[in-house]
């Protein structure tokens, strides 16, 4: 227990910096996007392009383990994305999206958590320094 106390005493500035950055990110998101007014069931942003593939991936993650094959698209058979390698190069983002879909079965809420969470994933390391 003494080692843990000493660790926090020695590194309190690092932890304080990370907490301050997260608080600043949260305040900026809350006021910048007016989060008190949004409908969490509807994705916050849609500008075409890759946004649609994020929704498709979220739906596939919600219904099955991963996003490489589904019977729900590609009529009359199925959709297989094994040869579409750009999907495989985004595994960190896909893993985070999978976690979001595990937290909630609602695709709109999951995509919104994913969208907002990316700000914390990018900003947190900047507050974490040695």
Protein backbone atom coordinates (compact mmCIF):
# COMPACT_ATOMS: atom_id res chain seq x y z
CA UNK A 1 0.00 0.00 0.00
CA UNK A 2 2.89 2.33 0.74
CA UNK A 3 4.22 1.87 -2.82
CA UNK A 4 0.89 3.01 -4.24
CA UNK A 5 0.80 6.10 -2.01
CA UNK A 6 4.37 7.00 -2.99
CA UNK A 7 3.55 6.52 -6.65
CA UNK A 8 0.63 8.97 -6.46
CA UNK A 9 2.64 11.47 -4.43
CA UNK A 10 5.44 11.34 -6.98
CA UNK A 11 3.20 11.50 -10.06
CA UNK A 12 0.28 13.64 -8.90
CA UNK A 13 1.02 16.26 -11.57
CA UNK A 14 0.63 13.71 -14.35
CA UNK A 15 -2.72 12.52 -13.05
CA UNK A 16 -3.90 16.09 -12.42
CA UNK A 17 -2.96 17.07 -15.99
CA UNK A 18 -4.90 14.15 -17.44
CA UNK A 19 -7.96 14.97 -15.33
CA UNK A 20 -7.83 18.67 -16.30
CA UNK A 21 -7.61 17.79 -20.00
CA UNK A 22 -10.58 15.43 -19.71
CA UNK A 23 -12.62 18.10 -17.90
CA UNK A 24 -11.75 20.67 -20.58
CA UNK A 25 -12.68 18.23 -23.36
CA UNK A 26 -15.99 17.40 -21.65
CA UNK A 27 -16.88 21.07 -21.12
CA UNK A 28 -15.99 21.92 -24.72
CA UNK A 29 -18.10 19.05 -26.07
CA UNK A 30 -21.07 19.80 -23.81
CA UNK A 31 -21.20 23.49 -24.72
CA UNK A 32 -19.86 23.23 -28.26
CA UNK A 33 -22.34 20.56 -29.36
CA UNK A 34 -25.10 21.64 -26.93
CA UNK A 35 -25.36 18.05 -25.69
CA UNK A 36 -28.36 18.89 -23.51
CA UNK A 37 -30.41 19.39 -26.71
CA UNK A 38 -29.49 16.32 -28.75
CA UNK A 39 -31.54 13.20 -29.35
CA UNK A 40 -29.04 10.47 -28.43
CA UNK A 41 -30.92 7.95 -30.61
CA UNK A 42 -29.96 9.85 -33.76
CA UNK A 43 -26.31 10.13 -34.86
CA UNK A 44 -25.03 13.63 -34.12
CA UNK A 45 -23.30 14.14 -37.45
CA UNK A 46 -23.75 12.86 -40.95
CA UNK A 47 -21.80 14.38 -43.78
CA UNK A 48 -21.90 11.47 -46.22
CA UNK A 49 -18.97 9.32 -47.16
CA UNK A 50 -17.42 7.34 -44.31
CA UNK A 51 -20.21 8.22 -41.88
CA UNK A 52 -22.44 5.65 -43.53
CA UNK A 53 -19.81 2.92 -43.23
CA UNK A 54 -19.51 3.71 -39.50
CA UNK A 55 -23.25 3.14 -39.14
CA UNK A 56 -22.99 -0.10 -41.13
CA UNK A 57 -20.10 -1.30 -38.95
CA UNK A 58 -21.99 -0.40 -35.77
CA UNK A 59 -25.04 -2.35 -36.94
CA UNK A 60 -22.88 -5.34 -37.88
CA UNK A 61 -21.06 -5.22 -34.52
CA UNK A 62 -24.39 -5.09 -32.74
CA UNK A 63 -25.73 -8.16 -34.54
CA UNK A 64 -22.58 -10.31 -34.67
CA UNK A 65 -19.01 -10.58 -33.46
CA UNK A 66 -17.14 -8.59 -36.14
CA UNK A 67 -17.73 -6.77 -39.42
CA UNK A 68 -16.18 -8.93 -42.14
CA UNK A 69 -19.31 -10.82 -43.28
CA UNK A 70 -23.06 -10.44 -42.94
CA UNK A 71 -26.17 -12.09 -44.36
CA UNK A 72 -28.13 -8.87 -43.92
CA UNK A 73 -26.57 -7.00 -46.87
CA UNK A 74 -25.57 -7.82 -50.43
CA UNK A 75 -28.80 -9.35 -51.72
CA UNK A 76 -29.46 -11.95 -52.99
CA UNK A 77 -26.61 -13.63 -51.08
CA UNK A 78 -24.49 -11.93 -48.46
CA UNK A 79 -21.79 -9.29 -48.08
CA UNK A 80 -18.20 -10.30 -47.49
CA UNK A 81 -15.55 -7.68 -46.78
CA UNK A 82 -12.50 -9.94 -46.61
CA UNK A 83 -11.01 -8.34 -49.73
CA UNK A 84 -11.87 -4.80 -48.65
CA UNK A 85 -8.67 -4.19 -46.73
CA UNK A 86 -9.35 -0.63 -45.64
CA UNK A 87 -11.79 -2.07 -43.11
CA UNK A 88 -9.00 -4.20 -41.70
CA UNK A 89 -6.62 -1.25 -41.32
CA UNK A 90 -8.96 0.54 -38.90
CA UNK A 91 -8.99 -2.11 -36.19
CA UNK A 92 -8.33 0.30 -33.30
CA UNK A 93 -11.34 2.39 -34.32
CA UNK A 94 -13.39 -0.72 -35.00
CA UNK A 95 -12.48 -2.14 -31.60
CA UNK A 96 -13.59 1.08 -29.90
CA UNK A 97 -16.83 1.03 -31.93
CA UNK A 98 -17.38 -2.60 -30.89
CA UNK A 99 -17.01 -1.60 -27.22
CA UNK A 100 -19.57 1.17 -27.78
CA UNK A 101 -22.06 -1.28 -29.32
CA UNK A 102 -21.55 -3.66 -26.41
CA UNK A 103 -22.37 -0.83 -23.97
CA UNK A 104 -25.71 -0.12 -25.68
CA UNK A 105 -27.80 -2.00 -28.25
CA UNK A 106 -29.00 1.32 -29.72
CA UNK A 107 -26.91 2.06 -32.82
CA UNK A 108 -27.51 5.83 -32.69
CA UNK A 109 -26.37 6.03 -29.08
CA UNK A 110 -23.36 3.79 -29.79
CA UNK A 111 -22.24 5.95 -32.74
CA UNK A 112 -22.66 9.11 -30.65
CA UNK A 113 -20.57 7.63 -27.82
CA UNK A 114 -17.98 6.62 -30.42
CA UNK A 115 -17.95 10.12 -31.94
CA UNK A 116 -17.58 11.89 -28.59
CA UNK A 117 -15.17 9.30 -27.20
CA UNK A 118 -12.68 9.91 -29.98
CA UNK A 119 -12.09 13.43 -28.60
CA UNK A 120 -11.08 11.91 -25.26
CA UNK A 121 -8.90 9.25 -26.91
CA UNK A 122 -7.05 11.95 -28.83
CA UNK A 123 -6.86 14.51 -26.02
CA UNK A 124 -6.08 12.30 -23.03
CA UNK A 125 -2.47 11.53 -24.03
CA UNK A 126 -1.76 15.27 -24.23
CA UNK A 127 -2.62 15.65 -20.57
CA UNK A 128 -0.60 12.57 -19.66
CA UNK A 129 3.06 13.55 -19.56
CA UNK A 130 6.16 12.57 -17.63
